[in-house]
Amino acid sequence: MARYTGAVCRLCRREGQKLFLKGERCYTGKCALSRRAYAPGQHGQARNKKASEYGKQLRTKQFAKRYYGVLEGQFYHYYEMATKMQGVTGENLLGLLESRLDNVVYRLGFASSRAQARQMVTQGHFTVNGRKVNIPSYLVKAGNVVAVKEASRSLGSVKAIVEATASRPTPKWLELNRDAMEAKIVAFPAREDIDLPIEETLIVELYSK
C-alpha cells in the first residue's frame, strides 16, 4: 500500500495550516507549526509571491490530499466517483473522503491521528456490521455500525487512546456509543459537518480543465 513516509510536520508547515497528522501533539505547544509558522526549506521565510489561480487550486488539492492521507491516484478516483453522484461535486468529494473507514475511526476518537487509524484498521482492530474490515479506504454507508473488535477492547493501548480523545467532539453524522466502543453511521457527511477549511470548488475547477 503506497503512502507518504516523510516528515509529516513539514506538510503542515508547507500548507500553513494544521493537518493534525501527529495526534494529540498537534493540540499542544510542541506542534511544529506553532513554533515555526513558515514553509520548510531554504526559502521558507522569504516573502511569498501572490499565487495564481492555478496555484490556489493546486494548493487546495494538495491540502485536502494531505489532510486525509491519500495519494494522487486515489484522490482522483474519489473525484470521479463524486462527479457521478447526485448533488454538488465538491461536497460529494469531501463526503467520500470523510466516509473512509480510517477517517471514521479517527473522527470517533478510536485513534489519535488518521495515520494511527489507518494502521489500526490494517491490523484488524475494527468491524463493520460485525465483520472484520482491514481496508483503511473502505467506504462506510448510512446504517453501517463501526465498532472496535471485541478482542481489542481490553487492550491497554486502545483504552488509553479512547480516554485521551474523550473530549474530542463527534460529527453529527456519527452516533457514538463510547462505552460500547461502537458507532452508527447516521447519514452521508454533509458539508456543514466537515471541519475542513478549504474551498472545494477550487479542486473541481482544477480537475475540470
N, C-alpha and C. Protein backbone atom coordinates (compact mmCIF):
# COMPACT_ATOMS: atom_id res chain seq x y z
N MET A 1 0.85 -1.20 0.00
CA MET A 1 0.00 0.00 0.00
C MET A 1 0.88 1.24 0.00
N ALA A 2 0.79 2.07 -1.02
CA ALA A 2 1.61 3.28 -1.12
C ALA A 2 1.14 4.31 -0.11
N ARG A 3 2.11 4.97 0.51
CA ARG A 3 1.78 6.02 1.47
C ARG A 3 2.97 6.95 1.63
N TYR A 4 2.72 8.16 2.15
CA TYR A 4 3.79 9.13 2.39
C TYR A 4 4.57 8.71 3.63
N THR A 5 5.90 8.68 3.54
CA THR A 5 6.72 8.24 4.66
C THR A 5 7.69 9.31 5.14
N GLY A 6 7.55 10.52 4.64
CA GLY A 6 8.45 11.60 5.05
C GLY A 6 8.03 12.25 6.35
N ALA A 7 8.67 13.36 6.69
CA ALA A 7 8.36 14.10 7.93
C ALA A 7 7.02 14.81 7.77
N VAL A 8 6.05 14.43 8.59
CA VAL A 8 4.70 14.95 8.41
C VAL A 8 4.55 16.41 8.83
N CYS A 9 5.37 16.86 9.80
CA CYS A 9 5.26 18.25 10.24
C CYS A 9 5.62 19.23 9.12
N ARG A 10 6.47 18.79 8.20
CA ARG A 10 6.81 19.62 7.05
C ARG A 10 5.58 19.89 6.18
N LEU A 11 4.68 18.92 6.13
CA LEU A 11 3.46 19.09 5.33
C LEU A 11 2.58 20.20 5.89
N CYS A 12 2.43 20.22 7.23
CA CYS A 12 1.63 21.26 7.87
C CYS A 12 2.24 22.63 7.61
N ARG A 13 3.56 22.70 7.74
CA ARG A 13 4.24 23.98 7.54
C ARG A 13 4.12 24.44 6.08
N ARG A 14 4.17 23.48 5.15
CA ARG A 14 4.05 23.84 3.74
C ARG A 14 2.67 24.37 3.43
N GLU A 15 1.64 23.79 4.05
CA GLU A 15 0.28 24.23 3.79
C GLU A 15 -0.10 25.45 4.63
N GLY A 16 0.67 25.72 5.67
CA GLY A 16 0.37 26.87 6.52
C GLY A 16 -0.82 26.65 7.44
N GLN A 17 -1.26 25.40 7.57
CA GLN A 17 -2.39 25.07 8.42
C GLN A 17 -2.15 23.70 9.06
N LYS A 18 -2.78 23.48 10.20
CA LYS A 18 -2.63 22.19 10.86
C LYS A 18 -3.40 21.11 10.11
N LEU A 19 -2.71 20.00 9.87
CA LEU A 19 -3.34 18.85 9.23
C LEU A 19 -3.64 17.75 10.25
N PHE A 20 -3.22 17.99 11.49
CA PHE A 20 -3.45 17.05 12.60
C PHE A 20 -2.94 15.65 12.26
N LEU A 21 -1.67 15.60 11.84
CA LEU A 21 -1.06 14.36 11.40
C LEU A 21 -0.31 13.63 12.52
N LYS A 22 -0.10 14.31 13.67
CA LYS A 22 0.65 13.67 14.75
C LYS A 22 -0.18 13.54 16.03
N GLY A 23 -1.49 13.43 15.86
CA GLY A 23 -2.36 13.16 17.00
C GLY A 23 -2.40 14.28 18.02
N GLU A 24 -2.34 13.93 19.30
CA GLU A 24 -2.50 14.89 20.39
C GLU A 24 -1.40 15.94 20.41
N ARG A 25 -0.24 15.63 19.86
CA ARG A 25 0.86 16.60 19.81
C ARG A 25 0.44 17.86 19.08
N CYS A 26 -0.44 17.71 18.09
CA CYS A 26 -0.89 18.86 17.29
C CYS A 26 -1.70 19.86 18.10
N TYR A 27 -2.21 19.44 19.26
CA TYR A 27 -3.02 20.32 20.09
C TYR A 27 -2.20 21.00 21.18
N THR A 28 -0.89 20.77 21.18
CA THR A 28 -0.02 21.33 22.21
C THR A 28 0.96 22.33 21.61
N GLY A 29 1.76 22.95 22.48
CA GLY A 29 2.76 23.91 22.04
C GLY A 29 3.92 23.27 21.32
N LYS A 30 3.97 21.93 21.33
CA LYS A 30 5.04 21.22 20.63
C LYS A 30 4.81 21.13 19.13
N CYS A 31 3.63 21.53 18.69
CA CYS A 31 3.30 21.50 17.27
C CYS A 31 4.33 22.33 16.49
N ALA A 32 4.87 21.75 15.44
CA ALA A 32 5.90 22.43 14.64
C ALA A 32 5.38 23.72 14.03
N LEU A 33 4.10 23.75 13.67
CA LEU A 33 3.54 24.95 13.04
C LEU A 33 3.44 26.09 14.05
N SER A 34 3.26 25.76 15.32
CA SER A 34 3.19 26.78 16.37
C SER A 34 4.56 27.41 16.60
N ARG A 35 5.60 26.60 16.43
CA ARG A 35 6.96 27.08 16.68
C ARG A 35 7.61 27.71 15.45
N ARG A 36 7.25 27.19 14.28
CA ARG A 36 7.84 27.70 13.03
C ARG A 36 6.74 27.84 11.99
N ALA A 37 6.04 28.95 12.07
CA ALA A 37 4.87 29.15 11.20
C ALA A 37 5.27 29.69 9.82
N TYR A 38 6.16 28.97 9.16
CA TYR A 38 6.57 29.33 7.80
C TYR A 38 6.92 28.04 7.07
N ALA A 39 6.93 28.12 5.75
CA ALA A 39 7.18 26.93 4.94
C ALA A 39 8.59 26.39 5.17
N PRO A 40 8.78 25.08 5.04
CA PRO A 40 10.11 24.50 5.23
C PRO A 40 11.03 24.81 4.06
N GLY A 41 12.29 24.57 4.24
CA GLY A 41 13.24 24.78 3.14
C GLY A 41 14.01 26.08 3.25
N GLN A 42 14.97 26.24 2.38
CA GLN A 42 15.87 27.39 2.38
C GLN A 42 15.15 28.72 2.24
N HIS A 43 14.08 28.73 1.45
CA HIS A 43 13.37 29.99 1.18
C HIS A 43 12.03 30.06 1.90
N GLY A 44 11.88 29.25 2.93
CA GLY A 44 10.61 29.19 3.64
C GLY A 44 10.16 30.50 4.25
N GLN A 45 11.12 31.30 4.72
CA GLN A 45 10.77 32.57 5.36
C GLN A 45 10.74 33.73 4.38
N ALA A 46 11.04 33.45 3.13
CA ALA A 46 11.03 34.51 2.12
C ALA A 46 9.60 34.98 1.88
N ARG A 47 9.44 36.19 1.47
CA ARG A 47 8.12 36.74 1.20
C ARG A 47 7.49 36.02 0.01
N ASN A 48 6.31 35.49 0.21
CA ASN A 48 5.65 34.74 -0.86
C ASN A 48 5.06 35.65 -1.93
N LYS A 49 5.16 35.22 -3.17
CA LYS A 49 4.53 35.96 -4.26
C LYS A 49 3.05 35.65 -4.28
N LYS A 50 2.29 36.52 -4.90
CA LYS A 50 0.85 36.30 -4.99
C LYS A 50 0.60 35.07 -5.86
N ALA A 51 -0.18 34.14 -5.33
CA ALA A 51 -0.43 32.88 -6.04
C ALA A 51 -1.36 33.11 -7.22
N SER A 52 -1.11 32.39 -8.30
CA SER A 52 -2.00 32.46 -9.46
C SER A 52 -3.25 31.64 -9.16
N GLU A 53 -4.22 31.71 -10.04
CA GLU A 53 -5.45 30.95 -9.84
C GLU A 53 -5.14 29.45 -9.84
N TYR A 54 -4.28 29.04 -10.75
CA TYR A 54 -3.87 27.64 -10.79
C TYR A 54 -3.15 27.25 -9.50
N GLY A 55 -2.32 28.16 -9.01
CA GLY A 55 -1.58 27.90 -7.77
C GLY A 55 -2.52 27.68 -6.60
N LYS A 56 -3.58 28.48 -6.52
CA LYS A 56 -4.57 28.33 -5.45
C LYS A 56 -5.29 26.98 -5.55
N GLN A 57 -5.64 26.63 -6.78
CA GLN A 57 -6.33 25.35 -6.99
C GLN A 57 -5.44 24.17 -6.60
N LEU A 58 -4.18 24.25 -6.99
CA LEU A 58 -3.24 23.17 -6.68
C LEU A 58 -3.00 23.05 -5.18
N ARG A 59 -2.82 24.18 -4.50
CA ARG A 59 -2.57 24.15 -3.07
C ARG A 59 -3.79 23.59 -2.32
N THR A 60 -4.99 23.92 -2.80
CA THR A 60 -6.21 23.41 -2.17
C THR A 60 -6.28 21.90 -2.30
N LYS A 61 -5.96 21.40 -3.49
CA LYS A 61 -5.98 19.96 -3.71
C LYS A 61 -4.93 19.27 -2.84
N GLN A 62 -3.73 19.83 -2.79
CA GLN A 62 -2.66 19.24 -2.00
C GLN A 62 -3.03 19.21 -0.52
N PHE A 63 -3.66 20.28 -0.06
CA PHE A 63 -4.07 20.34 1.35
C PHE A 63 -5.06 19.23 1.66
N ALA A 64 -6.06 19.06 0.81
CA ALA A 64 -7.08 18.03 1.04
C ALA A 64 -6.47 16.63 1.00
N LYS A 65 -5.58 16.38 0.05
CA LYS A 65 -4.91 15.09 -0.06
C LYS A 65 -4.13 14.77 1.21
N ARG A 66 -3.39 15.74 1.68
CA ARG A 66 -2.55 15.52 2.85
C ARG A 66 -3.37 15.44 4.13
N TYR A 67 -4.46 16.15 4.17
CA TYR A 67 -5.35 16.14 5.34
C TYR A 67 -5.91 14.74 5.56
N TYR A 68 -6.32 14.10 4.46
CA TYR A 68 -6.91 12.77 4.57
C TYR A 68 -5.90 11.64 4.36
N GLY A 69 -4.68 11.97 3.99
CA GLY A 69 -3.64 10.98 3.85
C GLY A 69 -3.79 10.06 2.65
N VAL A 70 -4.24 10.60 1.52
CA VAL A 70 -4.37 9.80 0.31
C VAL A 70 -3.44 10.35 -0.77
N LEU A 71 -3.04 9.49 -1.69
CA LEU A 71 -2.16 9.89 -2.78
C LEU A 71 -2.98 10.30 -4.01
N GLU A 72 -2.29 10.81 -5.02
CA GLU A 72 -2.96 11.42 -6.17
C GLU A 72 -3.93 10.49 -6.89
N GLY A 73 -3.50 9.27 -7.19
CA GLY A 73 -4.36 8.35 -7.93
C GLY A 73 -5.67 8.07 -7.21
N GLN A 74 -5.58 7.81 -5.93
CA GLN A 74 -6.78 7.51 -5.15
C GLN A 74 -7.66 8.75 -5.01
N PHE A 75 -7.02 9.91 -4.83
CA PHE A 75 -7.77 11.16 -4.69
C PHE A 75 -8.58 11.43 -5.96
N TYR A 76 -7.94 11.25 -7.11
CA TYR A 76 -8.64 11.48 -8.37
C TYR A 76 -9.77 10.47 -8.56
N HIS A 77 -9.58 9.26 -8.09
CA HIS A 77 -10.63 8.25 -8.16
C HIS A 77 -11.86 8.71 -7.39
N TYR A 78 -11.64 9.31 -6.21
CA TYR A 78 -12.76 9.82 -5.43
C TYR A 78 -13.46 10.96 -6.17
N TYR A 79 -12.65 11.79 -6.86
CA TYR A 79 -13.24 12.89 -7.64
C TYR A 79 -14.14 12.33 -8.74
N GLU A 80 -13.69 11.30 -9.44
CA GLU A 80 -14.51 10.70 -10.49
C GLU A 80 -15.80 10.11 -9.92
N MET A 81 -15.71 9.50 -8.75
CA MET A 81 -16.90 8.97 -8.09
C MET A 81 -17.86 10.11 -7.76
N ALA A 82 -17.30 11.23 -7.28
CA ALA A 82 -18.11 12.38 -6.88
C ALA A 82 -18.87 12.98 -8.04
N THR A 83 -18.25 12.98 -9.24
CA THR A 83 -18.91 13.56 -10.41
C THR A 83 -20.13 12.74 -10.86
N LYS A 84 -20.15 11.47 -10.50
CA LYS A 84 -21.24 10.58 -10.92
C LYS A 84 -22.37 10.52 -9.88
N MET A 85 -22.18 11.19 -8.76
CA MET A 85 -23.20 11.21 -7.72
C MET A 85 -24.12 12.42 -7.89
N GLN A 86 -25.31 12.33 -7.36
CA GLN A 86 -26.22 13.47 -7.36
C GLN A 86 -25.73 14.50 -6.36
N GLY A 87 -25.95 15.77 -6.66
CA GLY A 87 -25.53 16.82 -5.75
C GLY A 87 -24.33 17.58 -6.26
N VAL A 88 -23.70 18.33 -5.37
CA VAL A 88 -22.55 19.18 -5.69
C VAL A 88 -21.27 18.34 -5.66
N THR A 89 -20.53 18.36 -6.74
CA THR A 89 -19.34 17.51 -6.87
C THR A 89 -18.33 17.72 -5.75
N GLY A 90 -18.01 18.97 -5.44
CA GLY A 90 -17.03 19.25 -4.40
C GLY A 90 -17.45 18.72 -3.04
N GLU A 91 -18.72 18.89 -2.71
CA GLU A 91 -19.23 18.40 -1.43
C GLU A 91 -19.28 16.88 -1.42
N ASN A 92 -19.61 16.29 -2.56
CA ASN A 92 -19.60 14.83 -2.66
C ASN A 92 -18.19 14.28 -2.44
N LEU A 93 -17.19 14.97 -3.00
CA LEU A 93 -15.80 14.56 -2.86
C LEU A 93 -15.39 14.53 -1.39
N LEU A 94 -15.70 15.60 -0.67
CA LEU A 94 -15.34 15.64 0.75
C LEU A 94 -16.11 14.59 1.54
N GLY A 95 -17.37 14.36 1.17
CA GLY A 95 -18.17 13.35 1.84
C GLY A 95 -17.58 11.96 1.68
N LEU A 96 -17.08 11.67 0.48
CA LEU A 96 -16.46 10.37 0.23
C LEU A 96 -15.18 10.21 1.05
N LEU A 97 -14.38 11.26 1.11
CA LEU A 97 -13.14 11.21 1.89
C LEU A 97 -13.44 11.01 3.37
N GLU A 98 -14.50 11.68 3.84
CA GLU A 98 -14.90 11.53 5.24
C GLU A 98 -15.41 10.12 5.53
N SER A 99 -15.96 9.46 4.52
CA SER A 99 -16.56 8.14 4.69
C SER A 99 -15.54 7.01 4.71
N ARG A 100 -14.28 7.31 4.47
CA ARG A 100 -13.24 6.28 4.57
C ARG A 100 -13.21 5.73 5.99
N LEU A 101 -13.00 4.44 6.11
CA LEU A 101 -13.02 3.82 7.44
C LEU A 101 -11.94 4.39 8.35
N ASP A 102 -10.75 4.66 7.81
CA ASP A 102 -9.70 5.22 8.68
C ASP A 102 -10.09 6.59 9.21
N ASN A 103 -10.75 7.40 8.39
CA ASN A 103 -11.20 8.70 8.85
C ASN A 103 -12.30 8.58 9.90
N VAL A 104 -13.22 7.64 9.68
CA VAL A 104 -14.31 7.42 10.64
C VAL A 104 -13.74 7.01 12.00
N VAL A 105 -12.77 6.11 11.99
CA VAL A 105 -12.12 5.67 13.22
C VAL A 105 -11.48 6.86 13.94
N TYR A 106 -10.85 7.73 13.18
CA TYR A 106 -10.23 8.93 13.76
C TYR A 106 -11.29 9.87 14.31
N ARG A 107 -12.35 10.11 13.55
CA ARG A 107 -13.41 11.02 13.98
C ARG A 107 -14.10 10.54 15.26
N LEU A 108 -14.16 9.23 15.43
CA LEU A 108 -14.82 8.66 16.61
C LEU A 108 -13.93 8.70 17.85
N GLY A 109 -12.66 9.04 17.67
CA GLY A 109 -11.75 9.10 18.81
C GLY A 109 -11.15 7.76 19.16
N PHE A 110 -11.21 6.80 18.22
CA PHE A 110 -10.60 5.50 18.45
C PHE A 110 -9.13 5.48 18.04
N ALA A 111 -8.65 6.61 17.51
CA ALA A 111 -7.26 6.76 17.12
C ALA A 111 -6.91 8.24 17.28
N SER A 112 -5.65 8.53 17.59
CA SER A 112 -5.25 9.92 17.82
C SER A 112 -4.94 10.67 16.53
N SER A 113 -4.75 9.96 15.44
CA SER A 113 -4.49 10.59 14.14
C SER A 113 -4.99 9.67 13.04
N ARG A 114 -5.12 10.19 11.84
CA ARG A 114 -5.57 9.33 10.73
C ARG A 114 -4.53 8.28 10.39
N ALA A 115 -3.25 8.62 10.56
CA ALA A 115 -2.20 7.63 10.28
C ALA A 115 -2.30 6.47 11.27
N GLN A 116 -2.55 6.79 12.51
CA GLN A 116 -2.71 5.73 13.51
C GLN A 116 -3.97 4.93 13.23
N ALA A 117 -5.03 5.61 12.82
CA ALA A 117 -6.28 4.92 12.49
C ALA A 117 -6.06 3.96 11.33
N ARG A 118 -5.30 4.40 10.33
CA ARG A 118 -5.00 3.55 9.18
C ARG A 118 -4.26 2.29 9.61
N GLN A 119 -3.31 2.48 10.51
CA GLN A 119 -2.53 1.33 11.00
C GLN A 119 -3.41 0.37 11.79
N MET A 120 -4.27 0.91 12.65
CA MET A 120 -5.13 0.07 13.48
C MET A 120 -6.15 -0.70 12.64
N VAL A 121 -6.67 -0.06 11.60
CA VAL A 121 -7.60 -0.75 10.71
C VAL A 121 -6.89 -1.89 10.00
N THR A 122 -5.69 -1.62 9.50
CA THR A 122 -4.91 -2.64 8.81
C THR A 122 -4.61 -3.83 9.72
N GLN A 123 -4.43 -3.56 10.99
CA GLN A 123 -4.13 -4.62 11.96
C GLN A 123 -5.38 -5.40 12.37
N GLY A 124 -6.54 -4.98 11.88
CA GLY A 124 -7.76 -5.74 12.13
C GLY A 124 -8.47 -5.48 13.44
N HIS A 125 -8.36 -4.25 13.96
CA HIS A 125 -8.99 -3.93 15.25
C HIS A 125 -10.45 -3.50 15.13
N PHE A 126 -10.98 -3.38 13.91
CA PHE A 126 -12.33 -2.84 13.75
C PHE A 126 -13.23 -3.74 12.91
N THR A 127 -14.52 -3.62 13.18
CA THR A 127 -15.52 -4.36 12.42
C THR A 127 -16.55 -3.39 11.85
N VAL A 128 -17.16 -3.78 10.76
CA VAL A 128 -18.26 -3.03 10.17
C VAL A 128 -19.43 -4.01 10.05
N ASN A 129 -20.50 -3.69 10.74
CA ASN A 129 -21.66 -4.59 10.80
C ASN A 129 -21.28 -5.99 11.28
N GLY A 130 -20.36 -6.02 12.25
CA GLY A 130 -19.98 -7.29 12.86
C GLY A 130 -18.91 -8.07 12.13
N ARG A 131 -18.49 -7.60 10.97
CA ARG A 131 -17.47 -8.31 10.18
C ARG A 131 -16.17 -7.51 10.18
N LYS A 132 -15.04 -8.20 10.41
CA LYS A 132 -13.75 -7.51 10.44
C LYS A 132 -13.43 -6.92 9.07
N VAL A 133 -13.02 -5.66 9.09
CA VAL A 133 -12.60 -4.98 7.86
C VAL A 133 -11.21 -4.40 8.12
N ASN A 134 -10.25 -4.76 7.30
CA ASN A 134 -8.87 -4.28 7.48
C ASN A 134 -8.39 -3.44 6.30
N ILE A 135 -9.35 -2.80 5.63
CA ILE A 135 -9.03 -1.95 4.48
C ILE A 135 -9.32 -0.49 4.86
N PRO A 136 -8.29 0.34 5.08
CA PRO A 136 -8.49 1.73 5.50
C PRO A 136 -9.39 2.55 4.57
N SER A 137 -9.36 2.25 3.26
CA SER A 137 -10.12 3.03 2.29
C SER A 137 -11.57 2.54 2.15
N TYR A 138 -11.96 1.56 2.91
CA TYR A 138 -13.33 1.04 2.86
C TYR A 138 -14.30 2.19 3.13
N LEU A 139 -15.29 2.35 2.26
CA LEU A 139 -16.26 3.44 2.41
C LEU A 139 -17.49 2.95 3.16
N VAL A 140 -17.74 3.57 4.31
CA VAL A 140 -18.92 3.20 5.10
C VAL A 140 -20.14 3.90 4.53
N LYS A 141 -21.31 3.36 4.83
CA LYS A 141 -22.57 3.91 4.34
C LYS A 141 -23.53 4.13 5.50
N ALA A 142 -24.55 4.94 5.25
CA ALA A 142 -25.56 5.20 6.28
C ALA A 142 -26.17 3.88 6.73
N GLY A 143 -26.26 3.71 8.04
CA GLY A 143 -26.82 2.48 8.60
C GLY A 143 -25.77 1.50 9.05
N ASN A 144 -24.52 1.66 8.55
CA ASN A 144 -23.43 0.77 8.99
C ASN A 144 -23.09 1.03 10.46
N VAL A 145 -22.60 0.00 11.13
CA VAL A 145 -22.14 0.13 12.51
C VAL A 145 -20.65 -0.22 12.55
N VAL A 146 -19.86 0.75 12.96
CA VAL A 146 -18.41 0.57 13.08
C VAL A 146 -18.09 0.36 14.56
N ALA A 147 -17.32 -0.67 14.86
CA ALA A 147 -17.01 -0.97 16.26
C ALA A 147 -15.59 -1.48 16.42
N VAL A 148 -15.05 -1.26 17.63
CA VAL A 148 -13.76 -1.86 17.97
C VAL A 148 -14.02 -3.35 18.16
N LYS A 149 -13.20 -4.17 17.55
CA LYS A 149 -13.37 -5.62 17.67
C LYS A 149 -13.35 -6.02 19.15
N GLU A 150 -14.23 -6.93 19.51
CA GLU A 150 -14.38 -7.31 20.92
C GLU A 150 -13.06 -7.70 21.57
N ALA A 151 -12.23 -8.44 20.84
CA ALA A 151 -10.95 -8.88 21.40
C ALA A 151 -9.98 -7.72 21.61
N SER A 152 -10.22 -6.59 20.94
CA SER A 152 -9.31 -5.44 21.03
C SER A 152 -9.73 -4.44 22.10
N ARG A 153 -10.97 -4.56 22.61
CA ARG A 153 -11.48 -3.57 23.56
C ARG A 153 -10.76 -3.58 24.89
N SER A 154 -10.18 -4.71 25.23
CA SER A 154 -9.48 -4.81 26.52
C SER A 154 -8.01 -4.43 26.43
N LEU A 155 -7.53 -4.13 25.25
CA LEU A 155 -6.12 -3.75 25.08
C LEU A 155 -5.85 -2.40 25.75
N GLY A 156 -4.78 -2.35 26.52
CA GLY A 156 -4.44 -1.11 27.22
C GLY A 156 -4.20 0.04 26.28
N SER A 157 -3.59 -0.22 25.12
CA SER A 157 -3.29 0.84 24.15
C SER A 157 -4.58 1.45 23.59
N VAL A 158 -5.58 0.61 23.34
CA VAL A 158 -6.86 1.08 22.80
C VAL A 158 -7.59 1.90 23.86
N LYS A 159 -7.61 1.40 25.09
CA LYS A 159 -8.28 2.13 26.19
C LYS A 159 -7.64 3.49 26.41
N ALA A 160 -6.30 3.55 26.33
CA ALA A 160 -5.59 4.81 26.54
C ALA A 160 -5.95 5.83 25.47
N ILE A 161 -6.07 5.39 24.24
CA ILE A 161 -6.44 6.30 23.14
C ILE A 161 -7.85 6.84 23.34
N VAL A 162 -8.80 5.95 23.67
CA VAL A 162 -10.19 6.36 23.86
C VAL A 162 -10.31 7.36 25.01
N GLU A 163 -9.56 7.15 26.07
CA GLU A 163 -9.58 8.08 27.21
C GLU A 163 -8.97 9.42 26.84
N ALA A 164 -7.88 9.39 26.08
CA ALA A 164 -7.19 10.62 25.69
C ALA A 164 -8.01 11.48 24.74
N THR A 165 -8.88 10.86 23.96
CA THR A 165 -9.67 11.60 22.96
C THR A 165 -11.12 11.80 23.39
N ALA A 166 -11.40 11.56 24.68
CA ALA A 166 -12.78 11.62 25.17
C ALA A 166 -13.43 12.99 24.96
N SER A 167 -12.63 14.05 24.99
CA SER A 167 -13.18 15.40 24.84
C SER A 167 -13.34 15.84 23.39
N ARG A 168 -12.90 15.00 22.46
CA ARG A 168 -12.99 15.37 21.05
C ARG A 168 -14.44 15.29 20.59
N PRO A 169 -14.97 16.34 19.96
CA PRO A 169 -16.38 16.31 19.51
C PRO A 169 -16.60 15.30 18.40
N THR A 170 -17.79 14.71 18.39
CA THR A 170 -18.15 13.72 17.36
C THR A 170 -19.05 14.38 16.33
N PRO A 171 -18.75 14.23 15.03
CA PRO A 171 -19.59 14.84 13.98
C PRO A 171 -21.04 14.36 14.07
N LYS A 172 -21.96 15.19 13.59
CA LYS A 172 -23.39 14.88 13.67
C LYS A 172 -23.77 13.65 12.87
N TRP A 173 -22.99 13.33 11.85
CA TRP A 173 -23.36 12.19 11.01
C TRP A 173 -22.93 10.85 11.61
N LEU A 174 -22.31 10.92 12.81
CA LEU A 174 -21.91 9.71 13.52
C LEU A 174 -22.60 9.66 14.88
N GLU A 175 -23.14 8.52 15.24
CA GLU A 175 -23.82 8.34 16.52
C GLU A 175 -22.97 7.41 17.38
N LEU A 176 -22.21 7.98 18.29
CA LEU A 176 -21.21 7.24 19.05
C LEU A 176 -21.73 6.72 20.38
N ASN A 177 -21.43 5.46 20.66
CA ASN A 177 -21.66 4.86 21.97
C ASN A 177 -20.27 4.55 22.52
N ARG A 178 -19.72 5.48 23.28
CA ARG A 178 -18.33 5.37 23.72
C ARG A 178 -18.13 4.16 24.64
N ASP A 179 -19.10 3.88 25.50
CA ASP A 179 -18.97 2.75 26.43
C ASP A 179 -18.88 1.42 25.69
N ALA A 180 -19.67 1.29 24.62
CA ALA A 180 -19.67 0.05 23.84
C ALA A 180 -18.58 0.05 22.77
N MET A 181 -17.90 1.21 22.62
CA MET A 181 -16.86 1.38 21.60
C MET A 181 -17.40 1.05 20.21
N GLU A 182 -18.53 1.61 19.89
CA GLU A 182 -19.11 1.42 18.56
C GLU A 182 -19.89 2.66 18.17
N ALA A 183 -20.19 2.78 16.89
CA ALA A 183 -20.93 3.95 16.40
C ALA A 183 -21.73 3.57 15.16
N LYS A 184 -22.83 4.26 14.98
CA LYS A 184 -23.67 4.04 13.80
C LYS A 184 -23.48 5.21 12.84
N ILE A 185 -23.38 4.90 11.57
CA ILE A 185 -23.29 5.95 10.55
C ILE A 185 -24.71 6.43 10.28
N VAL A 186 -25.03 7.64 10.70
CA VAL A 186 -26.39 8.16 10.61
C VAL A 186 -26.73 8.60 9.19
N ALA A 187 -25.77 9.24 8.52
CA ALA A 187 -26.04 9.77 7.18
C ALA A 187 -24.73 10.01 6.45
N PHE A 188 -24.83 10.26 5.14
CA PHE A 188 -23.66 10.65 4.37
C PHE A 188 -23.22 12.02 4.87
N PRO A 189 -21.93 12.25 5.10
CA PRO A 189 -21.45 13.52 5.67
C PRO A 189 -21.88 14.75 4.86
N ALA A 190 -22.50 15.70 5.52
CA ALA A 190 -22.90 16.96 4.88
C ALA A 190 -21.75 17.95 4.99
N ARG A 191 -21.69 18.90 4.07
CA ARG A 191 -20.57 19.86 4.06
C ARG A 191 -20.46 20.62 5.37
N GLU A 192 -21.59 21.02 5.96
CA GLU A 192 -21.54 21.80 7.20
C GLU A 192 -21.02 20.99 8.38
N ASP A 193 -20.95 19.67 8.23
CA ASP A 193 -20.46 18.82 9.31
C ASP A 193 -18.98 18.46 9.13
N ILE A 194 -18.35 19.00 8.09
CA ILE A 194 -16.94 18.69 7.80
C ILE A 194 -16.10 19.93 8.08
N ASP A 195 -15.23 19.83 9.09
CA ASP A 195 -14.43 20.98 9.51
C ASP A 195 -13.14 21.12 8.72
N LEU A 196 -13.28 21.15 7.42
CA LEU A 196 -12.12 21.29 6.55
C LEU A 196 -12.12 22.70 5.96
N PRO A 197 -11.14 23.54 6.32
CA PRO A 197 -11.13 24.95 5.91
C PRO A 197 -10.61 25.17 4.49
N ILE A 198 -11.35 24.67 3.51
CA ILE A 198 -10.93 24.86 2.12
C ILE A 198 -12.15 25.20 1.25
N GLU A 199 -11.85 25.69 0.06
CA GLU A 199 -12.89 25.90 -0.95
C GLU A 199 -12.80 24.74 -1.92
N GLU A 200 -13.66 23.74 -1.70
CA GLU A 200 -13.58 22.52 -2.52
C GLU A 200 -13.88 22.77 -3.99
N THR A 201 -14.54 23.89 -4.29
CA THR A 201 -14.82 24.21 -5.69
C THR A 201 -13.53 24.42 -6.49
N LEU A 202 -12.45 24.83 -5.80
CA LEU A 202 -11.17 25.03 -6.49
C LEU A 202 -10.60 23.70 -6.98
N ILE A 203 -10.86 22.63 -6.23
CA ILE A 203 -10.40 21.31 -6.65
C ILE A 203 -11.16 20.86 -7.89
N VAL A 204 -12.47 21.11 -7.90
CA VAL A 204 -13.30 20.76 -9.03
C VAL A 204 -12.85 21.53 -10.27
N GLU A 205 -12.56 22.81 -10.09
CA GLU A 205 -12.10 23.64 -11.21
C GLU A 205 -10.77 23.11 -11.76
N LEU A 206 -9.89 22.68 -10.88
CA LEU A 206 -8.59 22.16 -11.30
C LEU A 206 -8.75 20.90 -12.14
N TYR A 207 -9.56 19.98 -11.68
CA TYR A 207 -9.75 18.72 -12.40
C TYR A 207 -10.64 18.87 -13.64
N SER A 208 -11.39 19.95 -13.71
CA SER A 208 -12.31 20.14 -14.84
C SER A 208 -11.61 20.72 -16.06
N LYS A 209 -10.37 21.12 -15.91
CA LYS A 209 -9.66 21.75 -17.04
C LYS A 209 -9.34 20.75 -18.13
